[in-house]
Amino acid sequence: MEQDFRFSTEMEVSIGDINYGGHLGNDKFLVLFQEARLRYLDQFGFSEMSIGEDVSLIMSQAQVNFKAEAFWGDRLKILVRISHLEKIRFTFDYLIIKDEGAEVIVATGFTKMVGFNYKERKVKNVDRR
């Protein structure tokens, strides 16, 4: 599964990420996805607010599949790829792994992003380059 991804970044679980259950809170996974997505886009000189001329990104759907707990201080490897590229939208896939002597999948998920012009408040085509 990991070999299907060409980009990865690492993040550490901070104390602010921990919920009352003593593990990484479910809401924090979307924050991790966003940070990894920003780092992915940055390598190409893009950001969520600029992926082309007058085109930004807006999220239309998100899904997180929880597989294992993560705790304060855990180093997480987050893998990102783009799939399902269409005229106005595409999907970011995510794989979050931690190493406990062997790699453990913490979560998988996706976000569907749509090209959007925030000034015009309209959906825009996504440049396929």
C-alpha atoms as a PDB file:
ATOM      1  CA  MET A   1       0.000   0.000   0.000  1.00  0.00           C
ATOM      2  CA  GLU A   2       2.738   2.482   0.977  1.00  0.00           C
ATOM      3  CA  GLN A   3       4.515   1.971  -2.348  1.00  0.00           C
ATOM      4  CA  ASP A   4       1.500   3.493  -4.149  1.00  0.00           C
ATOM      5  CA  PHE A   5       2.296   6.901  -2.612  1.00  0.00           C
ATOM      6  CA  ARG A   6       5.138   9.119  -3.884  1.00  0.00           C
ATOM      7  CA  PHE A   7       4.992  11.824  -1.203  1.00  0.00           C
ATOM      8  CA  SER A   8       5.328  11.571   2.549  1.00  0.00           C
ATOM      9  CA  THR A   9       5.895  13.925   5.440  1.00  0.00           C
ATOM     10  CA  GLU A  10       6.328  13.443   9.175  1.00  0.00           C
ATOM     11  CA  MET A  11       4.532  15.061  12.084  1.00  0.00           C
ATOM     12  CA  GLU A  12       4.610  14.528  15.822  1.00  0.00           C
ATOM     13  CA  VAL A  13       1.477  14.166  17.939  1.00  0.00           C
ATOM     14  CA  SER A  14       1.407  17.138  20.322  1.00  0.00           C
ATOM     15  CA  ILE A  15      -0.347  17.414  23.677  1.00  0.00           C
ATOM     16  CA  GLY A  16      -3.014  19.626  22.083  1.00  0.00           C
ATOM     17  CA  ASP A  17      -3.910  16.737  19.774  1.00  0.00           C
ATOM     18  CA  ILE A  18      -4.852  14.427  22.654  1.00  0.00           C
ATOM     19  CA  ASN A  19      -8.488  14.011  23.688  1.00  0.00           C
ATOM     20  CA  TYR A  20     -10.131  12.798  26.914  1.00  0.00           C
ATOM     21  CA  GLY A  21      -9.503   9.199  25.824  1.00  0.00           C
ATOM     22  CA  GLY A  22      -5.765   9.817  26.079  1.00  0.00           C
ATOM     23  CA  HIS A  23      -5.157   9.341  22.360  1.00  0.00           C
ATOM     24  CA  LEU A  24      -5.123  11.412  19.172  1.00  0.00           C
ATOM     25  CA  GLY A  25      -8.567  13.007  18.848  1.00  0.00           C
ATOM     26  CA  ASN A  26     -10.716  12.100  15.872  1.00  0.00           C
ATOM     27  CA  ASP A  27     -11.033  15.771  14.879  1.00  0.00           C
ATOM     28  CA  LYS A  28      -7.260  16.104  14.608  1.00  0.00           C
ATOM     29  CA  PHE A  29      -7.041  13.691  11.691  1.00  0.00           C
ATOM     30  CA  LEU A  30      -8.508  16.286   9.325  1.00  0.00           C
ATOM     31  CA  VAL A  31      -5.926  18.783  10.606  1.00  0.00           C
ATOM     32  CA  LEU A  32      -3.166  16.254   9.857  1.00  0.00           C
ATOM     33  CA  PHE A  33      -4.656  15.651   6.411  1.00  0.00           C
ATOM     34  CA  GLN A  34      -4.707  19.400   5.735  1.00  0.00           C
ATOM     35  CA  GLU A  35      -1.123  19.981   6.861  1.00  0.00           C
ATOM     36  CA  ALA A  36       0.092  17.051   4.748  1.00  0.00           C
ATOM     37  CA  ARG A  37      -1.950  18.319   1.788  1.00  0.00           C
ATOM     38  CA  LEU A  38      -0.396  21.801   2.147  1.00  0.00           C
ATOM     39  CA  ARG A  39       3.097  20.306   2.199  1.00  0.00           C
ATOM     40  CA  TYR A  40       2.254  18.185  -0.854  1.00  0.00           C
ATOM     41  CA  LEU A  41       0.997  21.221  -2.798  1.00  0.00           C
ATOM     42  CA  ASP A  42       3.944  23.355  -1.693  1.00  0.00           C
ATOM     43  CA  GLN A  43       6.442  21.081  -3.438  1.00  0.00           C
ATOM     44  CA  PHE A  44       4.830  22.170  -6.728  1.00  0.00           C
ATOM     45  CA  GLY A  45       4.645  25.852  -5.779  1.00  0.00           C
ATOM     46  CA  PHE A  46       0.905  25.708  -5.051  1.00  0.00           C
ATOM     47  CA  SER A  47      -1.262  26.352  -2.009  1.00  0.00           C
ATOM     48  CA  GLU A  48      -4.927  25.690  -1.290  1.00  0.00           C
ATOM     49  CA  MET A  49      -5.611  29.314  -2.210  1.00  0.00           C
ATOM     50  CA  SER A  50      -3.725  29.148  -5.507  1.00  0.00           C
ATOM     51  CA  ILE A  51      -3.581  26.052  -7.697  1.00  0.00           C
ATOM     52  CA  GLY A  52      -3.909  27.951 -10.947  1.00  0.00           C
ATOM     53  CA  GLU A  53      -5.015  31.288 -12.320  1.00  0.00           C
ATOM     54  CA  ASP A  54      -7.918  32.423 -10.116  1.00  0.00           C
ATOM     55  CA  VAL A  55      -8.427  28.852  -8.880  1.00  0.00           C
ATOM     56  CA  SER A  56      -8.326  27.820  -5.230  1.00  0.00           C
ATOM     57  CA  LEU A  57      -9.526  24.675  -3.505  1.00  0.00           C
ATOM     58  CA  ILE A  58     -12.625  24.019  -1.443  1.00  0.00           C
ATOM     59  CA  MET A  59     -13.402  20.698   0.228  1.00  0.00           C
ATOM     60  CA  SER A  60     -16.566  18.870  -0.776  1.00  0.00           C
ATOM     61  CA  GLN A  61     -16.134  15.611   1.153  1.00  0.00           C
ATOM     62  CA  ALA A  62     -13.871  14.015   3.751  1.00  0.00           C
ATOM     63  CA  GLN A  63     -13.557  10.518   5.166  1.00  0.00           C
ATOM     64  CA  VAL A  64     -11.318   9.110   7.890  1.00  0.00           C
ATOM     65  CA  ASN A  65     -10.940   5.376   8.525  1.00  0.00           C
ATOM     66  CA  PHE A  66      -9.515   4.820  12.002  1.00  0.00           C
ATOM     67  CA  LYS A  67      -7.239   1.778  12.292  1.00  0.00           C
ATOM     68  CA  ALA A  68      -5.110   2.223  15.450  1.00  0.00           C
ATOM     69  CA  GLU A  69      -4.537   4.689  18.269  1.00  0.00           C
ATOM     70  CA  ALA A  70      -1.793   7.312  18.274  1.00  0.00           C
ATOM     71  CA  PHE A  71      -0.471   8.941  21.440  1.00  0.00           C
ATOM     72  CA  TRP A  72       1.411  12.043  22.566  1.00  0.00           C
ATOM     73  CA  GLY A  73       4.926  12.057  21.131  1.00  0.00           C
ATOM     74  CA  ASP A  74       4.237   9.502  18.396  1.00  0.00           C
ATOM     75  CA  ARG A  75       5.977  10.328  15.113  1.00  0.00           C
ATOM     76  CA  LEU A  76       3.515   9.886  12.302  1.00  0.00           C
ATOM     77  CA  LYS A  77       4.396   9.384   8.667  1.00  0.00           C
ATOM     78  CA  ILE A  78       1.653  10.775   6.456  1.00  0.00           C
ATOM     79  CA  LEU A  79       1.563   9.718   2.831  1.00  0.00           C
ATOM     80  CA  VAL A  80      -0.398  11.716   0.255  1.00  0.00           C
ATOM     81  CA  ARG A  81      -1.379  11.176  -3.359  1.00  0.00           C
ATOM     82  CA  ILE A  82      -3.902  12.528  -5.836  1.00  0.00           C
ATOM     83  CA  SER A  83      -6.418  10.186  -7.419  1.00  0.00           C
ATOM     84  CA  HIS A  84      -9.627  10.497  -9.425  1.00  0.00           C
ATOM     85  CA  LEU A  85      -8.701  13.695 -11.257  1.00  0.00           C
ATOM     86  CA  GLU A  86     -11.746  15.144 -13.012  1.00  0.00           C
ATOM     87  CA  LYS A  87     -12.592  18.437 -14.722  1.00  0.00           C
ATOM     88  CA  ILE A  88     -13.512  20.387 -11.570  1.00  0.00           C
ATOM     89  CA  ARG A  89     -12.508  18.066  -8.734  1.00  0.00           C
ATOM     90  CA  PHE A  90      -9.982  15.543  -7.549  1.00  0.00           C
ATOM     91  CA  THR A  91      -9.315  13.359  -4.549  1.00  0.00           C
ATOM     92  CA  PHE A  92      -6.425  13.407  -2.101  1.00  0.00           C
ATOM     93  CA  ASP A  93      -5.776  10.004  -0.515  1.00  0.00           C
ATOM     94  CA  TYR A  94      -3.994   9.726   2.843  1.00  0.00           C
ATOM     95  CA  LEU A  95      -2.227   6.967   4.732  1.00  0.00           C
ATOM     96  CA  ILE A  96      -1.013   7.624   8.285  1.00  0.00           C
ATOM     97  CA  ILE A  97       1.582   5.230   9.716  1.00  0.00           C
ATOM     98  CA  LYS A  98       3.540   5.003  12.952  1.00  0.00           C
ATOM     99  CA  ASP A  99       6.521   2.795  13.664  1.00  0.00           C
ATOM    100  CA  GLU A 100       6.354   0.534  16.713  1.00  0.00           C
ATOM    101  CA  GLY A 101       9.164  -1.744  15.622  1.00  0.00           C
ATOM    102  CA  ALA A 102       6.915  -2.580  12.709  1.00  0.00           C
ATOM    103  CA  GLU A 103       4.808  -0.112  10.775  1.00  0.00           C
ATOM    104  CA  VAL A 104       1.251   0.257  12.071  1.00  0.00           C
ATOM    105  CA  ILE A 105      -1.468   1.888   9.983  1.00  0.00           C
ATOM    106  CA  VAL A 106      -3.118   4.520  12.184  1.00  0.00           C
ATOM    107  CA  ALA A 107      -5.625   5.786   9.609  1.00  0.00           C
ATOM    108  CA  THR A 108      -6.517   6.009   5.965  1.00  0.00           C
ATOM    109  CA  GLY A 109      -8.799   8.523   4.351  1.00  0.00           C
ATOM    110  CA  PHE A 110      -9.520  10.942   1.580  1.00  0.00           C
ATOM    111  CA  THR A 111     -10.662  14.477   0.888  1.00  0.00           C
ATOM    112  CA  LYS A 112     -12.449  15.497  -2.289  1.00  0.00           C
ATOM    113  CA  MET A 113     -11.389  18.956  -3.392  1.00  0.00           C
ATOM    114  CA  VAL A 114     -13.122  21.195  -5.921  1.00  0.00           C
ATOM    115  CA  GLY A 115     -11.608  24.041  -7.924  1.00  0.00           C
ATOM    116  CA  PHE A 116     -13.192  27.251  -6.657  1.00  0.00           C
ATOM    117  CA  ASN A 117     -12.895  30.996  -7.223  1.00  0.00           C
ATOM    118  CA  TYR A 118     -13.550  32.685  -3.880  1.00  0.00           C
ATOM    119  CA  LYS A 119     -14.032  36.165  -5.414  1.00  0.00           C
ATOM    120  CA  GLU A 120     -16.682  34.980  -7.860  1.00  0.00           C
ATOM    121  CA  ARG A 121     -17.994  32.287  -5.452  1.00  0.00           C
ATOM    122  CA  LYS A 122     -18.023  29.823  -8.372  1.00  0.00           C
ATOM    123  CA  VAL A 123     -16.667  26.386  -9.155  1.00  0.00           C
ATOM    124  CA  LYS A 124     -13.731  26.455 -11.587  1.00  0.00           C
ATOM    125  CA  ASN A 125     -11.956  23.892 -13.736  1.00  0.00           C
ATOM    126  CA  VAL A 126      -8.811  22.344 -12.281  1.00  0.00           C
ATOM    127  CA  ASP A 127      -5.722  22.531 -14.507  1.00  0.00           C
ATOM    128  CA  ARG A 128      -4.666  18.912 -15.063  1.00  0.00           C
ATOM    129  CA  ARG A 129      -0.946  19.764 -15.200  1.00  0.00           C
END
